[in-house]
Each structure stands twice: as structure tokens, then as C-alpha cells.
Amino acid sequence: MLEGNPGKRKLNDREPIPVISDLPLPPEWLEPAAREEWERLARNLHDLGLLTDLDMAPFAVYCQAYARWKEAEEYISKNGSVMETKSGYLMQVPQVGISKANQAIMLKAAAEFGLTPSARAMIVAGKDREPADDMEALLS
């Protein structure tokens, strides 16, 4: 808001702000690797105000896609990315497609939580955030 509206889109002055409650617990149905990823990131995201109870499902999507991507990549690392068919042709193993699909899901969901450098650069969050410059300090 301080730097204008370069996209000229109408700003939402009534955007709902979720109440920051306790750290959301991971869903019980998450795969073990997804649960590990949840536990690795959840506290930091919650402390930044980026993970609330309302965000449980999108964050679970990220974690589950991470687990499936990891499983496919581990298979490819162990067994290779191609196999020979009965007729002697080489083709990709299904795990290549599984990896690619889950990587896309994971990266899209990761951006929503600021888990990529470019997405993180656009997030302004946190309770004790310092003003970026003198003008922002004056206006706050």
C-alpha cells in the first residue's frame, strides 16, 4: 500500500485477517514424510503469522505433495528413470511423472506460504516487523 498499486487492481480494504491461534496440528492422515515436513516448517510459518487453523488444508497439500515427490525421487535415484519394455523399447518409469506432478503441486503450494525466495520477498508478515524505511515508520 505504501508503494502504490502498480497493477492498478482495486485493493481489498476489508480483507479478513485470521486470528492467530495455537500452532495447528498435522492431520492424522499425512504420510510419515509429510508429517516430518509439517513439523520442520509449521512452527516458523506459525510464528510469522502464515499458518493458522484456516491454512491447515493448503499446508497439508504442500506436505503431502512433498512426501510423494520425495518418494518418487528416491525410487528414481535407486532404480533409474527409464526401463526397458517387453518389446525392447526404453520408456520413463511412472515415478518420473509422479515426481513432476507432485513437484508442481508442491511448488505452487510452497509459494502460497512464502517457501520460495521470490514468494518470500513479497511477504510482509510478523508481529514485530520493523518498518522498511522512514516513510513506512512515519505512516505506521
N, C-alpha and C. Protein backbone atom coordinates (compact mmCIF):
# COMPACT_ATOMS: atom_id res chain seq x y z
N MET A 1 0.82 -1.19 0.00
CA MET A 1 0.00 0.00 0.00
C MET A 1 0.87 1.25 0.00
N LEU A 2 2.02 1.22 0.71
CA LEU A 2 2.89 2.38 0.77
C LEU A 2 3.53 2.70 -0.57
N GLU A 3 3.75 1.69 -1.37
CA GLU A 3 4.44 1.89 -2.63
C GLU A 3 3.49 2.00 -3.81
N GLY A 4 2.24 2.21 -3.53
CA GLY A 4 1.27 2.37 -4.61
C GLY A 4 0.66 1.05 -5.02
N ASN A 5 0.03 1.07 -6.16
CA ASN A 5 -0.67 -0.09 -6.68
C ASN A 5 -0.26 -0.27 -8.14
N PRO A 6 0.93 -0.87 -8.37
CA PRO A 6 1.43 -0.95 -9.75
C PRO A 6 0.50 -1.72 -10.69
N GLY A 7 -0.25 -2.68 -10.18
CA GLY A 7 -1.16 -3.45 -11.03
C GLY A 7 -2.48 -2.75 -11.28
N LYS A 8 -2.71 -1.65 -10.59
CA LYS A 8 -3.93 -0.84 -10.72
C LYS A 8 -5.20 -1.63 -10.40
N ARG A 9 -5.03 -2.75 -9.66
CA ARG A 9 -6.20 -3.52 -9.24
C ARG A 9 -6.76 -2.89 -7.96
N LYS A 10 -8.04 -3.00 -7.77
CA LYS A 10 -8.66 -2.45 -6.57
C LYS A 10 -8.16 -3.22 -5.36
N LEU A 11 -7.70 -2.49 -4.35
CA LEU A 11 -7.21 -3.12 -3.13
C LEU A 11 -8.39 -3.50 -2.25
N ASN A 12 -8.27 -4.62 -1.57
CA ASN A 12 -9.32 -5.10 -0.68
C ASN A 12 -9.11 -4.49 0.69
N ASP A 13 -9.88 -3.45 1.02
CA ASP A 13 -9.72 -2.81 2.31
C ASP A 13 -10.51 -3.53 3.40
N ARG A 14 -11.18 -4.60 3.03
CA ARG A 14 -11.94 -5.40 4.00
C ARG A 14 -11.44 -6.84 4.05
N GLU A 15 -10.16 -7.01 3.74
CA GLU A 15 -9.56 -8.35 3.75
C GLU A 15 -9.65 -8.95 5.15
N PRO A 16 -10.18 -10.17 5.27
CA PRO A 16 -10.25 -10.80 6.60
C PRO A 16 -8.86 -11.17 7.08
N ILE A 17 -8.62 -10.92 8.34
CA ILE A 17 -7.34 -11.27 8.95
C ILE A 17 -7.61 -12.36 9.97
N PRO A 18 -7.11 -13.59 9.72
CA PRO A 18 -7.40 -14.68 10.65
C PRO A 18 -6.76 -14.44 12.01
N VAL A 19 -7.43 -14.90 13.03
CA VAL A 19 -6.89 -14.82 14.39
C VAL A 19 -5.78 -15.87 14.50
N ILE A 20 -4.64 -15.44 15.01
CA ILE A 20 -3.53 -16.37 15.20
C ILE A 20 -3.80 -17.14 16.48
N SER A 21 -4.05 -18.43 16.33
CA SER A 21 -4.34 -19.28 17.48
C SER A 21 -3.12 -20.16 17.74
N ASP A 22 -3.33 -21.25 18.42
CA ASP A 22 -2.25 -22.19 18.68
C ASP A 22 -1.75 -22.79 17.38
N LEU A 23 -0.57 -23.33 17.42
CA LEU A 23 0.03 -24.00 16.27
C LEU A 23 -0.89 -25.14 15.81
N PRO A 24 -1.33 -25.11 14.55
CA PRO A 24 -2.19 -26.19 14.07
C PRO A 24 -1.47 -27.53 14.08
N LEU A 25 -2.18 -28.56 14.46
CA LEU A 25 -1.62 -29.91 14.47
C LEU A 25 -1.72 -30.51 13.07
N PRO A 26 -0.77 -31.37 12.70
CA PRO A 26 -0.86 -32.01 11.38
C PRO A 26 -2.03 -32.99 11.35
N PRO A 27 -2.68 -33.11 10.20
CA PRO A 27 -3.76 -34.10 10.08
C PRO A 27 -3.20 -35.51 10.30
N GLU A 28 -3.99 -36.36 10.90
CA GLU A 28 -3.53 -37.72 11.20
C GLU A 28 -3.26 -38.53 9.94
N TRP A 29 -3.88 -38.20 8.82
CA TRP A 29 -3.75 -38.99 7.61
C TRP A 29 -2.50 -38.68 6.80
N LEU A 30 -1.71 -37.71 7.23
CA LEU A 30 -0.49 -37.40 6.49
C LEU A 30 0.47 -38.59 6.50
N GLU A 31 1.13 -38.80 5.37
CA GLU A 31 2.16 -39.83 5.31
C GLU A 31 3.31 -39.43 6.22
N PRO A 32 4.14 -40.39 6.67
CA PRO A 32 5.23 -40.06 7.60
C PRO A 32 6.16 -38.95 7.10
N ALA A 33 6.57 -38.98 5.84
CA ALA A 33 7.45 -37.94 5.32
C ALA A 33 6.74 -36.59 5.28
N ALA A 34 5.43 -36.59 5.03
CA ALA A 34 4.65 -35.35 5.03
C ALA A 34 4.56 -34.79 6.44
N ARG A 35 4.39 -35.66 7.41
CA ARG A 35 4.33 -35.23 8.81
C ARG A 35 5.68 -34.63 9.23
N GLU A 36 6.77 -35.23 8.80
CA GLU A 36 8.10 -34.68 9.11
C GLU A 36 8.27 -33.28 8.51
N GLU A 37 7.78 -33.10 7.28
CA GLU A 37 7.87 -31.79 6.64
C GLU A 37 7.00 -30.78 7.38
N TRP A 38 5.81 -31.19 7.80
CA TRP A 38 4.94 -30.33 8.59
C TRP A 38 5.68 -29.87 9.85
N GLU A 39 6.25 -30.82 10.56
CA GLU A 39 6.93 -30.50 11.81
C GLU A 39 8.18 -29.63 11.57
N ARG A 40 8.82 -29.79 10.43
CA ARG A 40 10.00 -28.99 10.11
C ARG A 40 9.65 -27.51 9.89
N LEU A 41 8.50 -27.24 9.26
CA LEU A 41 8.16 -25.88 8.83
C LEU A 41 7.07 -25.19 9.65
N ALA A 42 6.19 -25.94 10.26
CA ALA A 42 4.98 -25.36 10.85
C ALA A 42 5.28 -24.27 11.88
N ARG A 43 6.20 -24.50 12.79
CA ARG A 43 6.48 -23.53 13.84
C ARG A 43 6.93 -22.19 13.25
N ASN A 44 7.86 -22.22 12.30
CA ASN A 44 8.34 -20.98 11.69
C ASN A 44 7.20 -20.24 10.97
N LEU A 45 6.40 -20.97 10.20
CA LEU A 45 5.29 -20.33 9.48
C LEU A 45 4.27 -19.76 10.45
N HIS A 46 3.98 -20.49 11.50
CA HIS A 46 3.02 -20.02 12.50
C HIS A 46 3.54 -18.75 13.18
N ASP A 47 4.82 -18.75 13.54
CA ASP A 47 5.40 -17.57 14.20
C ASP A 47 5.38 -16.34 13.30
N LEU A 48 5.43 -16.54 11.98
CA LEU A 48 5.35 -15.43 11.04
C LEU A 48 3.90 -15.01 10.75
N GLY A 49 2.95 -15.76 11.29
CA GLY A 49 1.54 -15.46 11.04
C GLY A 49 1.04 -16.02 9.72
N LEU A 50 1.80 -16.96 9.13
CA LEU A 50 1.44 -17.52 7.83
C LEU A 50 0.75 -18.88 7.92
N LEU A 51 0.62 -19.42 9.12
CA LEU A 51 -0.03 -20.72 9.29
C LEU A 51 -0.99 -20.63 10.46
N THR A 52 -2.28 -20.67 10.14
CA THR A 52 -3.33 -20.67 11.15
C THR A 52 -4.18 -21.90 10.92
N ASP A 53 -5.19 -22.07 11.77
CA ASP A 53 -6.11 -23.20 11.59
C ASP A 53 -6.77 -23.16 10.21
N LEU A 54 -7.00 -21.96 9.69
CA LEU A 54 -7.63 -21.82 8.37
C LEU A 54 -6.73 -22.34 7.24
N ASP A 55 -5.44 -22.40 7.49
CA ASP A 55 -4.47 -22.77 6.46
C ASP A 55 -4.08 -24.24 6.51
N MET A 56 -4.70 -25.02 7.36
CA MET A 56 -4.31 -26.41 7.56
C MET A 56 -4.37 -27.21 6.26
N ALA A 57 -5.44 -27.11 5.51
CA ALA A 57 -5.59 -27.93 4.30
C ALA A 57 -4.56 -27.55 3.22
N PRO A 58 -4.38 -26.27 2.88
CA PRO A 58 -3.37 -25.96 1.87
C PRO A 58 -1.95 -26.36 2.30
N PHE A 59 -1.66 -26.22 3.60
CA PHE A 59 -0.33 -26.63 4.06
C PHE A 59 -0.19 -28.15 4.03
N ALA A 60 -1.27 -28.87 4.33
CA ALA A 60 -1.25 -30.33 4.23
C ALA A 60 -1.03 -30.76 2.78
N VAL A 61 -1.63 -30.03 1.83
CA VAL A 61 -1.41 -30.32 0.41
C VAL A 61 0.07 -30.20 0.08
N TYR A 62 0.70 -29.12 0.53
CA TYR A 62 2.13 -28.95 0.30
C TYR A 62 2.91 -30.13 0.89
N CYS A 63 2.64 -30.45 2.15
CA CYS A 63 3.40 -31.51 2.83
C CYS A 63 3.19 -32.88 2.17
N GLN A 64 1.97 -33.19 1.79
CA GLN A 64 1.69 -34.48 1.15
C GLN A 64 2.34 -34.55 -0.22
N ALA A 65 2.30 -33.45 -0.98
CA ALA A 65 2.96 -33.43 -2.29
C ALA A 65 4.47 -33.58 -2.11
N TYR A 66 5.01 -32.96 -1.08
CA TYR A 66 6.44 -33.10 -0.78
C TYR A 66 6.78 -34.58 -0.54
N ALA A 67 5.97 -35.25 0.27
CA ALA A 67 6.23 -36.66 0.60
C ALA A 67 6.18 -37.54 -0.65
N ARG A 68 5.20 -37.31 -1.51
CA ARG A 68 5.07 -38.12 -2.73
C ARG A 68 6.18 -37.80 -3.72
N TRP A 69 6.56 -36.53 -3.83
CA TRP A 69 7.69 -36.14 -4.68
C TRP A 69 8.97 -36.81 -4.18
N LYS A 70 9.19 -36.76 -2.88
CA LYS A 70 10.39 -37.36 -2.28
C LYS A 70 10.44 -38.86 -2.54
N GLU A 71 9.31 -39.53 -2.36
CA GLU A 71 9.24 -40.98 -2.59
C GLU A 71 9.58 -41.31 -4.05
N ALA A 72 9.02 -40.56 -4.98
CA ALA A 72 9.29 -40.80 -6.40
C ALA A 72 10.76 -40.54 -6.73
N GLU A 73 11.33 -39.47 -6.18
CA GLU A 73 12.73 -39.15 -6.44
C GLU A 73 13.67 -40.20 -5.85
N GLU A 74 13.32 -40.72 -4.69
CA GLU A 74 14.14 -41.78 -4.09
C GLU A 74 14.10 -43.04 -4.97
N TYR A 75 12.94 -43.37 -5.52
CA TYR A 75 12.83 -44.51 -6.42
C TYR A 75 13.69 -44.30 -7.66
N ILE A 76 13.61 -43.11 -8.24
CA ILE A 76 14.38 -42.80 -9.45
C ILE A 76 15.88 -42.87 -9.16
N SER A 77 16.29 -42.35 -8.02
CA SER A 77 17.71 -42.39 -7.66
C SER A 77 18.21 -43.82 -7.51
N LYS A 78 17.37 -44.69 -6.99
CA LYS A 78 17.75 -46.08 -6.76
C LYS A 78 17.66 -46.92 -8.02
N ASN A 79 16.62 -46.71 -8.83
CA ASN A 79 16.33 -47.60 -9.96
C ASN A 79 16.51 -46.99 -11.34
N GLY A 80 16.77 -45.71 -11.39
CA GLY A 80 16.89 -45.04 -12.68
C GLY A 80 15.56 -44.51 -13.16
N SER A 81 15.61 -43.68 -14.21
CA SER A 81 14.39 -43.03 -14.69
C SER A 81 13.82 -43.69 -15.93
N VAL A 82 14.49 -44.71 -16.47
CA VAL A 82 13.97 -45.41 -17.65
C VAL A 82 13.96 -46.91 -17.39
N MET A 83 13.09 -47.58 -18.11
CA MET A 83 13.02 -49.04 -18.06
C MET A 83 12.83 -49.56 -19.48
N GLU A 84 13.16 -50.80 -19.65
CA GLU A 84 13.01 -51.42 -20.96
C GLU A 84 11.70 -52.19 -20.99
N THR A 85 10.91 -51.97 -22.03
CA THR A 85 9.64 -52.69 -22.16
C THR A 85 9.90 -54.10 -22.66
N LYS A 86 8.87 -54.93 -22.67
CA LYS A 86 9.00 -56.31 -23.16
C LYS A 86 9.43 -56.35 -24.62
N SER A 87 9.06 -55.32 -25.36
CA SER A 87 9.43 -55.30 -26.78
C SER A 87 10.79 -54.64 -27.03
N GLY A 88 11.50 -54.26 -25.94
CA GLY A 88 12.84 -53.74 -26.09
C GLY A 88 12.96 -52.23 -26.17
N TYR A 89 11.86 -51.51 -26.10
CA TYR A 89 11.91 -50.05 -26.13
C TYR A 89 12.20 -49.50 -24.73
N LEU A 90 12.83 -48.34 -24.69
CA LEU A 90 13.05 -47.67 -23.42
C LEU A 90 11.93 -46.67 -23.18
N MET A 91 11.47 -46.62 -21.94
CA MET A 91 10.44 -45.64 -21.56
C MET A 91 10.68 -45.17 -20.13
N GLN A 92 10.15 -44.00 -19.84
CA GLN A 92 10.28 -43.49 -18.48
C GLN A 92 9.49 -44.33 -17.51
N VAL A 93 10.02 -44.47 -16.31
CA VAL A 93 9.27 -45.13 -15.25
C VAL A 93 8.15 -44.19 -14.80
N PRO A 94 7.05 -44.73 -14.29
CA PRO A 94 5.94 -43.88 -13.86
C PRO A 94 6.32 -42.86 -12.79
N GLN A 95 7.36 -43.16 -12.02
CA GLN A 95 7.77 -42.25 -10.95
C GLN A 95 8.24 -40.90 -11.48
N VAL A 96 8.69 -40.84 -12.73
CA VAL A 96 9.09 -39.55 -13.31
C VAL A 96 7.87 -38.63 -13.39
N GLY A 97 6.75 -39.15 -13.87
CA GLY A 97 5.52 -38.37 -13.94
C GLY A 97 4.98 -38.03 -12.57
N ILE A 98 5.06 -38.99 -11.65
CA ILE A 98 4.61 -38.75 -10.28
C ILE A 98 5.43 -37.64 -9.65
N SER A 99 6.74 -37.69 -9.86
CA SER A 99 7.63 -36.66 -9.33
C SER A 99 7.28 -35.30 -9.91
N LYS A 100 7.13 -35.24 -11.22
CA LYS A 100 6.85 -33.97 -11.89
C LYS A 100 5.52 -33.38 -11.42
N ALA A 101 4.48 -34.20 -11.33
CA ALA A 101 3.16 -33.72 -10.92
C ALA A 101 3.19 -33.20 -9.48
N ASN A 102 3.82 -33.94 -8.60
CA ASN A 102 3.87 -33.51 -7.20
C ASN A 102 4.81 -32.34 -6.99
N GLN A 103 5.84 -32.25 -7.81
CA GLN A 103 6.73 -31.09 -7.73
C GLN A 103 5.95 -29.82 -8.08
N ALA A 104 5.12 -29.88 -9.10
CA ALA A 104 4.32 -28.71 -9.49
C ALA A 104 3.34 -28.33 -8.38
N ILE A 105 2.67 -29.31 -7.81
CA ILE A 105 1.74 -29.05 -6.70
C ILE A 105 2.49 -28.44 -5.53
N MET A 106 3.62 -29.06 -5.20
CA MET A 106 4.41 -28.62 -4.07
C MET A 106 4.91 -27.19 -4.25
N LEU A 107 5.43 -26.86 -5.43
CA LEU A 107 5.96 -25.52 -5.65
C LEU A 107 4.86 -24.46 -5.65
N LYS A 108 3.70 -24.80 -6.18
CA LYS A 108 2.58 -23.85 -6.16
C LYS A 108 2.12 -23.60 -4.73
N ALA A 109 1.98 -24.66 -3.96
CA ALA A 109 1.57 -24.50 -2.56
C ALA A 109 2.66 -23.82 -1.74
N ALA A 110 3.92 -24.14 -2.04
CA ALA A 110 5.04 -23.53 -1.31
C ALA A 110 5.04 -22.02 -1.48
N ALA A 111 4.73 -21.55 -2.67
CA ALA A 111 4.70 -20.11 -2.93
C ALA A 111 3.63 -19.43 -2.08
N GLU A 112 2.53 -20.11 -1.82
CA GLU A 112 1.46 -19.54 -1.00
C GLU A 112 1.93 -19.26 0.42
N PHE A 113 2.90 -20.02 0.89
CA PHE A 113 3.40 -19.86 2.25
C PHE A 113 4.76 -19.16 2.31
N GLY A 114 5.21 -18.64 1.18
CA GLY A 114 6.48 -17.93 1.16
C GLY A 114 7.68 -18.85 1.29
N LEU A 115 7.56 -20.08 0.79
CA LEU A 115 8.63 -21.05 0.93
C LEU A 115 9.58 -21.07 -0.26
N THR A 116 9.46 -20.09 -1.15
CA THR A 116 10.42 -19.93 -2.24
C THR A 116 11.01 -18.53 -2.10
N PRO A 117 12.23 -18.32 -2.57
CA PRO A 117 12.84 -16.99 -2.41
C PRO A 117 12.01 -15.85 -3.01
N SER A 118 11.46 -16.05 -4.18
CA SER A 118 10.69 -14.96 -4.81
C SER A 118 9.39 -14.70 -4.07
N ALA A 119 8.71 -15.75 -3.60
CA ALA A 119 7.47 -15.56 -2.85
C ALA A 119 7.76 -14.91 -1.50
N ARG A 120 8.85 -15.32 -0.88
CA ARG A 120 9.22 -14.76 0.42
C ARG A 120 9.52 -13.27 0.33
N ALA A 121 10.09 -12.85 -0.79
CA ALA A 121 10.43 -11.44 -0.96
C ALA A 121 9.18 -10.56 -1.02
N MET A 122 8.04 -11.12 -1.34
CA MET A 122 6.81 -10.33 -1.46
C MET A 122 5.96 -10.35 -0.20
N ILE A 123 6.34 -11.15 0.80
CA ILE A 123 5.52 -11.27 2.00
C ILE A 123 5.94 -10.25 3.04
N VAL A 124 4.95 -9.58 3.61
CA VAL A 124 5.16 -8.69 4.73
C VAL A 124 4.36 -9.30 5.86
N ALA A 125 5.06 -9.86 6.85
CA ALA A 125 4.36 -10.57 7.92
C ALA A 125 5.12 -10.41 9.22
N GLY A 126 4.54 -10.94 10.25
CA GLY A 126 5.19 -10.93 11.55
C GLY A 126 4.63 -9.85 12.45
N LYS A 127 4.61 -10.15 13.72
CA LYS A 127 4.04 -9.22 14.69
C LYS A 127 4.99 -8.07 14.99
N ASP A 128 6.29 -8.33 15.03
CA ASP A 128 7.27 -7.34 15.43
C ASP A 128 8.12 -6.88 14.26
N ARG A 129 7.51 -6.73 13.11
CA ARG A 129 8.23 -6.35 11.91
C ARG A 129 8.69 -4.90 12.01
N GLU A 130 9.95 -4.68 11.65
CA GLU A 130 10.50 -3.33 11.63
C GLU A 130 10.04 -2.62 10.35
N PRO A 131 9.78 -1.31 10.41
CA PRO A 131 9.44 -0.58 9.18
C PRO A 131 10.57 -0.66 8.17
N ALA A 132 10.22 -0.80 6.91
CA ALA A 132 11.22 -0.95 5.85
C ALA A 132 12.00 0.33 5.61
N ASP A 133 11.36 1.49 5.82
CA ASP A 133 12.05 2.75 5.59
C ASP A 133 11.41 3.84 6.47
N ASP A 134 11.96 5.06 6.40
CA ASP A 134 11.48 6.15 7.24
C ASP A 134 10.02 6.50 6.94
N MET A 135 9.62 6.44 5.67
CA MET A 135 8.25 6.78 5.30
C MET A 135 7.27 5.79 5.90
N GLU A 136 7.60 4.51 5.85
CA GLU A 136 6.72 3.50 6.43
C GLU A 136 6.63 3.70 7.94
N ALA A 137 7.73 4.02 8.60
CA ALA A 137 7.71 4.28 10.04
C ALA A 137 6.82 5.47 10.37
N LEU A 138 6.90 6.52 9.56
CA LEU A 138 6.07 7.70 9.77
C LEU A 138 4.59 7.39 9.62
N LEU A 139 4.26 6.63 8.58
CA LEU A 139 2.85 6.32 8.32
C LEU A 139 2.27 5.31 9.29
N SER A 140 3.10 4.49 9.88
CA SER A 140 2.58 3.50 10.81
C SER A 140 2.32 4.14 12.15
